[in-house]
């Protein structure tokens, strides 16, 4: 297993998949609140943090499967934030027997028709390359980062972004075209068999709130909206997030 991961605590396993633009520190404020009751596994995705860069097109779903196999875990609760939620959703569709519970925190969704405004925002960030500081400024300038950028966790968020952007400059071109299953999860949400918890802040981008509406097609899902939280709810509201995870996984 070449991916970096940390294990904290003992008990029922929970695998944490961080957001794009972050690394396993996405969970650094939540893990201490879970590790007394669970075995918390926080991984760095391929090409991120302390994990090696992709050599071709990455397959993040198979990376999750390989990590569970490496740890001899037949099943785990899977928690994913943002892009990590996109990975977790696809994993639950394709390997339902390996997922005891699915927790999605402001997830992205493969196949979702994101608005022109959202795509323009992402393009605006990319056009600032290779000026990393300008990329960061444009990234966190979005309304969905207003709470986090004015919080004590701002520096952690910025440091993760900076390290992420610098790492991507070393990736081969193929790494920017990860392998996603077809048809995409957006067309298969009804197939999710796993009990699912969906957590989102009320200060999110309209696209992410609309993604939440799409997840109403999941048969066994409950929704939690956290007041005063934006896209980085994992950093600004760790107590609320960890309590919802605990209550759901132990239910």
Protein backbone atom coordinates (compact mmCIF):
# COMPACT_ATOMS: atom_id res chain seq x y z
CA UNK A 1 0.00 0.00 0.00
CA UNK A 2 1.67 3.20 -1.17
CA UNK A 3 -0.98 5.63 0.08
CA UNK A 4 -0.38 7.53 3.30
CA UNK A 5 -2.86 6.98 6.10
CA UNK A 6 -3.13 7.44 9.83
CA UNK A 7 -5.08 5.31 12.30
CA UNK A 8 -6.35 6.70 15.57
CA UNK A 9 -8.35 4.88 18.22
CA UNK A 10 -9.98 1.49 18.35
CA UNK A 11 -13.46 0.24 17.62
CA UNK A 12 -15.71 0.23 14.60
CA UNK A 13 -13.66 1.43 11.59
CA UNK A 14 -14.43 4.76 9.93
CA UNK A 15 -12.52 5.68 6.77
CA UNK A 16 -12.29 9.43 6.18
CA UNK A 17 -11.80 10.75 2.63
CA UNK A 18 -10.80 14.42 2.48
CA UNK A 19 -11.99 17.13 0.12
CA UNK A 20 -10.22 18.24 -3.03
CA UNK A 21 -7.78 21.01 -2.21
CA UNK A 22 -7.22 19.51 1.23
CA UNK A 23 -5.46 16.48 2.69
CA UNK A 24 -5.97 14.24 5.72
CA UNK A 25 -5.74 17.33 7.93
CA UNK A 26 -9.29 18.03 6.76
CA UNK A 27 -10.17 15.71 9.67
CA UNK A 28 -7.63 17.00 12.19
CA UNK A 29 -10.28 18.64 14.38
CA UNK A 30 -12.81 15.82 14.03
CA UNK A 31 -10.57 12.78 14.59
CA UNK A 32 -9.85 13.62 18.26
CA UNK A 33 -13.61 13.74 18.86
CA UNK A 34 -14.17 10.30 17.30
CA UNK A 35 -11.11 8.27 18.26
CA UNK A 36 -12.33 7.36 21.75
CA UNK A 37 -15.22 5.40 20.21
CA UNK A 38 -14.04 4.39 16.76
CA UNK A 39 -11.01 3.34 14.76
CA UNK A 40 -10.54 6.44 12.61
CA UNK A 41 -8.57 6.02 9.38
CA UNK A 42 -7.63 9.27 7.65
CA UNK A 43 -5.98 8.86 4.26
CA UNK A 44 -4.19 11.18 1.86
CA UNK A 45 -5.56 10.73 -1.64
CA UNK A 46 -3.19 9.87 -4.45
CA UNK A 47 -1.08 12.88 -5.36
CA UNK A 48 -2.04 14.68 -2.15
CA UNK A 49 -0.32 15.23 1.19
CA UNK A 50 2.14 12.43 1.89
CA UNK A 51 0.83 10.05 -0.78
CA UNK A 52 2.75 9.57 -4.04
CA UNK A 53 1.73 11.34 -7.22
CA UNK A 54 -0.21 9.42 -9.87
CA UNK A 55 1.80 7.93 -12.71
CA UNK A 56 -1.24 7.90 -15.02
CA UNK A 57 -4.97 8.30 -14.66
CA UNK A 58 -5.82 7.82 -10.98
CA UNK A 59 -8.69 5.60 -9.92
CA UNK A 60 -9.69 6.91 -6.52
CA UNK A 61 -12.42 4.31 -6.03
CA UNK A 62 -9.96 1.44 -6.45
CA UNK A 63 -7.56 3.23 -4.10
CA UNK A 64 -10.21 3.09 -1.37
CA UNK A 65 -10.80 -0.59 -2.07
CA UNK A 66 -7.07 -1.33 -1.93
CA UNK A 67 -6.72 0.47 1.39
CA UNK A 68 -9.57 -1.48 2.98
CA UNK A 69 -8.05 -4.72 1.66
CA UNK A 70 -4.61 -3.72 2.96
CA UNK A 71 -6.08 -3.11 6.42
CA UNK A 72 -8.02 -6.40 6.27
CA UNK A 73 -11.28 -4.55 6.79
CA UNK A 74 -14.22 -6.35 5.18
CA UNK A 75 -16.40 -3.33 5.91
CA UNK A 76 -16.14 0.22 7.25
CA UNK A 77 -18.19 3.35 7.62
CA UNK A 78 -17.10 5.68 4.82
CA UNK A 79 -17.07 9.44 5.40
CA UNK A 80 -16.33 11.76 2.49
CA UNK A 81 -16.12 15.54 2.23
CA UNK A 82 -16.60 17.41 -1.07
CA UNK A 83 -14.63 15.45 -3.71
CA UNK A 84 -14.11 12.84 -1.01
CA UNK A 85 -17.89 12.56 -0.90
CA UNK A 86 -17.93 12.00 -4.65
CA UNK A 87 -15.45 9.16 -4.21
CA UNK A 88 -17.41 7.73 -1.27
CA UNK A 89 -20.67 7.82 -3.25
CA UNK A 90 -19.19 5.95 -6.19
CA UNK A 91 -17.57 3.46 -3.84
CA UNK A 92 -20.90 2.77 -2.10
CA UNK A 93 -22.58 2.16 -5.46
CA UNK A 94 -19.93 -0.26 -6.71
CA UNK A 95 -18.89 -1.95 -3.45
CA UNK A 96 -21.96 -1.80 -1.19
CA UNK A 97 -20.86 -4.85 0.77
CA UNK A 98 -17.79 -2.94 1.99
CA UNK A 99 -19.74 0.05 3.37
CA UNK A 100 -21.52 -0.21 6.73
CA UNK A 101 -22.65 3.42 6.72
CA UNK A 102 -22.15 6.26 4.26
CA UNK A 103 -21.63 9.82 5.53
CA UNK A 104 -21.43 12.58 2.93
CA UNK A 105 -20.36 16.09 3.89
CA UNK A 106 -21.14 18.68 1.19
CA UNK A 107 -20.24 16.12 -1.47
CA UNK A 108 -19.46 16.67 -5.11
CA UNK A 109 -21.36 14.37 -7.45
CA UNK A 110 -20.03 12.77 -10.63
CA UNK A 111 -22.26 13.45 -13.62
CA UNK A 112 -24.08 16.34 -11.97
CA UNK A 113 -24.80 19.24 -14.39
CA UNK A 114 -22.94 21.99 -12.55
CA UNK A 115 -23.93 25.54 -13.45
CA UNK A 116 -21.98 27.83 -15.75
CA UNK A 117 -21.30 30.04 -12.74
CA UNK A 118 -19.68 27.18 -10.84
CA UNK A 119 -17.61 26.09 -13.83
CA UNK A 120 -16.51 29.69 -14.41
CA UNK A 121 -15.38 29.88 -10.78
CA UNK A 122 -13.28 26.74 -11.15
CA UNK A 123 -11.83 28.03 -14.43
CA UNK A 124 -11.02 31.39 -12.80
CA UNK A 125 -8.99 29.60 -10.13
CA UNK A 126 -7.11 27.50 -12.70
CA UNK A 127 -6.28 30.50 -14.86
CA UNK A 128 -4.26 31.98 -11.99
CA UNK A 129 -1.69 29.17 -12.25
CA UNK A 130 1.21 29.06 -11.60
CA UNK A 131 0.66 31.93 -9.14
CA UNK A 132 -0.22 29.80 -6.13
CA UNK A 133 -1.11 32.70 -3.85
CA UNK A 134 -3.51 34.10 -6.45
CA UNK A 135 -5.03 30.64 -6.90
CA UNK A 136 -5.62 30.49 -3.16
CA UNK A 137 -7.09 33.99 -3.10
CA UNK A 138 -9.52 33.14 -5.88
CA UNK A 139 -10.40 29.78 -4.32
CA UNK A 140 -11.32 31.06 -0.88
CA UNK A 141 -12.87 34.24 -2.26
CA UNK A 142 -16.04 32.32 -3.10
CA UNK A 143 -19.06 32.91 -0.81
CA UNK A 144 -18.95 29.24 0.21
CA UNK A 145 -15.66 29.90 2.05
CA UNK A 146 -16.64 33.11 3.83
CA UNK A 147 -17.14 31.47 7.22
CA UNK A 148 -13.87 29.52 7.06
CA UNK A 149 -11.75 32.37 5.75
CA UNK A 150 -12.87 34.54 8.68
CA UNK A 151 -12.30 31.79 11.25
CA UNK A 152 -9.27 30.69 13.30
CA UNK A 153 -9.00 27.74 10.87
CA UNK A 154 -8.20 30.00 7.92
CA UNK A 155 -4.46 29.26 8.04
CA UNK A 156 -5.02 25.50 8.07
CA UNK A 157 -7.33 25.79 5.07
CA UNK A 158 -4.84 28.00 3.21
CA UNK A 159 -1.89 25.73 4.02
CA UNK A 160 -3.74 22.68 2.69
CA UNK A 161 -4.67 24.56 -0.48
CA UNK A 162 -1.13 25.80 -1.00
CA UNK A 163 0.33 22.33 -0.61
CA UNK A 164 -2.36 20.90 -2.90
CA UNK A 165 -1.70 23.37 -5.71
CA UNK A 166 2.06 22.90 -5.47
CA UNK A 167 1.64 19.13 -5.67
CA UNK A 168 -0.57 19.36 -8.75
CA UNK A 169 2.21 21.19 -10.60
CA UNK A 170 4.22 17.94 -10.40
CA UNK A 171 1.45 15.68 -11.70
CA UNK A 172 1.58 14.15 -15.19
CA UNK A 173 -1.13 15.40 -17.55
CA UNK A 174 -3.06 12.13 -17.23
CA UNK A 175 -3.53 12.71 -13.51
CA UNK A 176 -5.97 15.52 -14.27
CA UNK A 177 -8.34 13.04 -15.93
CA UNK A 178 -9.19 10.56 -13.16
CA UNK A 179 -11.13 7.43 -13.97
CA UNK A 180 -14.77 7.66 -12.88
CA UNK A 181 -17.24 4.82 -13.39
CA UNK A 182 -19.94 5.08 -16.05
CA UNK A 183 -22.79 5.73 -15.87
CA UNK A 184 -21.97 8.35 -13.20
CA UNK A 185 -23.38 8.37 -9.69
CA UNK A 186 -25.83 11.16 -10.57
CA UNK A 187 -27.72 8.62 -12.67
CA UNK A 188 -27.53 5.84 -10.06
CA UNK A 189 -28.36 7.40 -6.70
CA UNK A 190 -31.46 5.20 -6.37
CA UNK A 191 -29.15 2.17 -6.31
CA UNK A 192 -27.37 3.14 -3.09
CA UNK A 193 -28.22 0.40 -0.60
CA UNK A 194 -26.30 1.81 2.36
CA UNK A 195 -27.77 3.88 5.18
CA UNK A 196 -26.67 7.39 4.33
CA UNK A 197 -26.20 10.63 6.25
CA UNK A 198 -25.90 13.89 4.30
CA UNK A 199 -24.39 16.88 6.14
CA UNK A 200 -24.24 20.37 4.64
CA UNK A 201 -23.87 23.94 5.86
CA UNK A 202 -26.48 26.57 5.13
CA UNK A 203 -23.86 28.97 3.70
CA UNK A 204 -23.07 26.78 0.68
CA UNK A 205 -22.95 27.54 -3.03
CA UNK A 206 -26.30 27.08 -4.80
CA UNK A 207 -24.89 24.16 -6.81
CA UNK A 208 -23.97 22.24 -3.67
CA UNK A 209 -27.43 22.83 -2.19
CA UNK A 210 -28.94 21.52 -5.42
CA UNK A 211 -26.71 18.45 -5.22
CA UNK A 212 -28.31 17.82 -1.82
CA UNK A 213 -31.72 17.80 -3.50
CA UNK A 214 -30.50 15.16 -5.96
CA UNK A 215 -29.55 12.91 -3.05
CA UNK A 216 -33.18 12.75 -1.99
CA UNK A 217 -33.36 9.89 -4.50
CA UNK A 218 -31.27 7.72 -2.14
CA UNK A 219 -33.72 5.29 -0.50
CA UNK A 220 -32.40 5.40 3.08
CA UNK A 221 -30.97 8.85 3.73
CA UNK A 222 -31.26 11.52 6.37
CA UNK A 223 -30.23 15.15 5.98
CA UNK A 224 -28.59 17.51 8.46
CA UNK A 225 -28.11 21.21 7.76
CA UNK A 226 -25.65 23.02 10.02
CA UNK A 227 -26.46 26.66 10.63
CA UNK A 228 -23.68 29.16 10.03
CA UNK A 229 -21.43 26.67 8.22
CA UNK A 230 -19.97 26.88 4.73
CA UNK A 231 -18.15 24.35 2.57
CA UNK A 232 -15.39 23.83 5.14
CA UNK A 233 -17.76 22.73 7.87
CA UNK A 234 -15.19 20.08 8.83
CA UNK A 235 -12.88 22.84 10.07
CA UNK A 236 -15.33 25.35 11.51
CA UNK A 237 -17.92 23.05 13.11
CA UNK A 238 -16.04 19.86 14.11
CA UNK A 239 -18.09 19.28 17.26
CA UNK A 240 -21.39 19.30 15.38
CA UNK A 241 -20.06 17.15 12.54
CA UNK A 242 -18.48 14.58 14.85
CA UNK A 243 -21.63 14.34 16.97
CA UNK A 244 -23.79 13.70 13.91
CA UNK A 245 -21.33 11.06 12.68
CA UNK A 246 -21.26 9.38 16.10
CA UNK A 247 -25.03 9.33 16.48
CA UNK A 248 -25.51 7.96 12.97
CA UNK A 249 -22.83 5.27 13.03
CA UNK A 250 -23.88 4.08 16.48
CA UNK A 251 -27.61 4.09 15.64
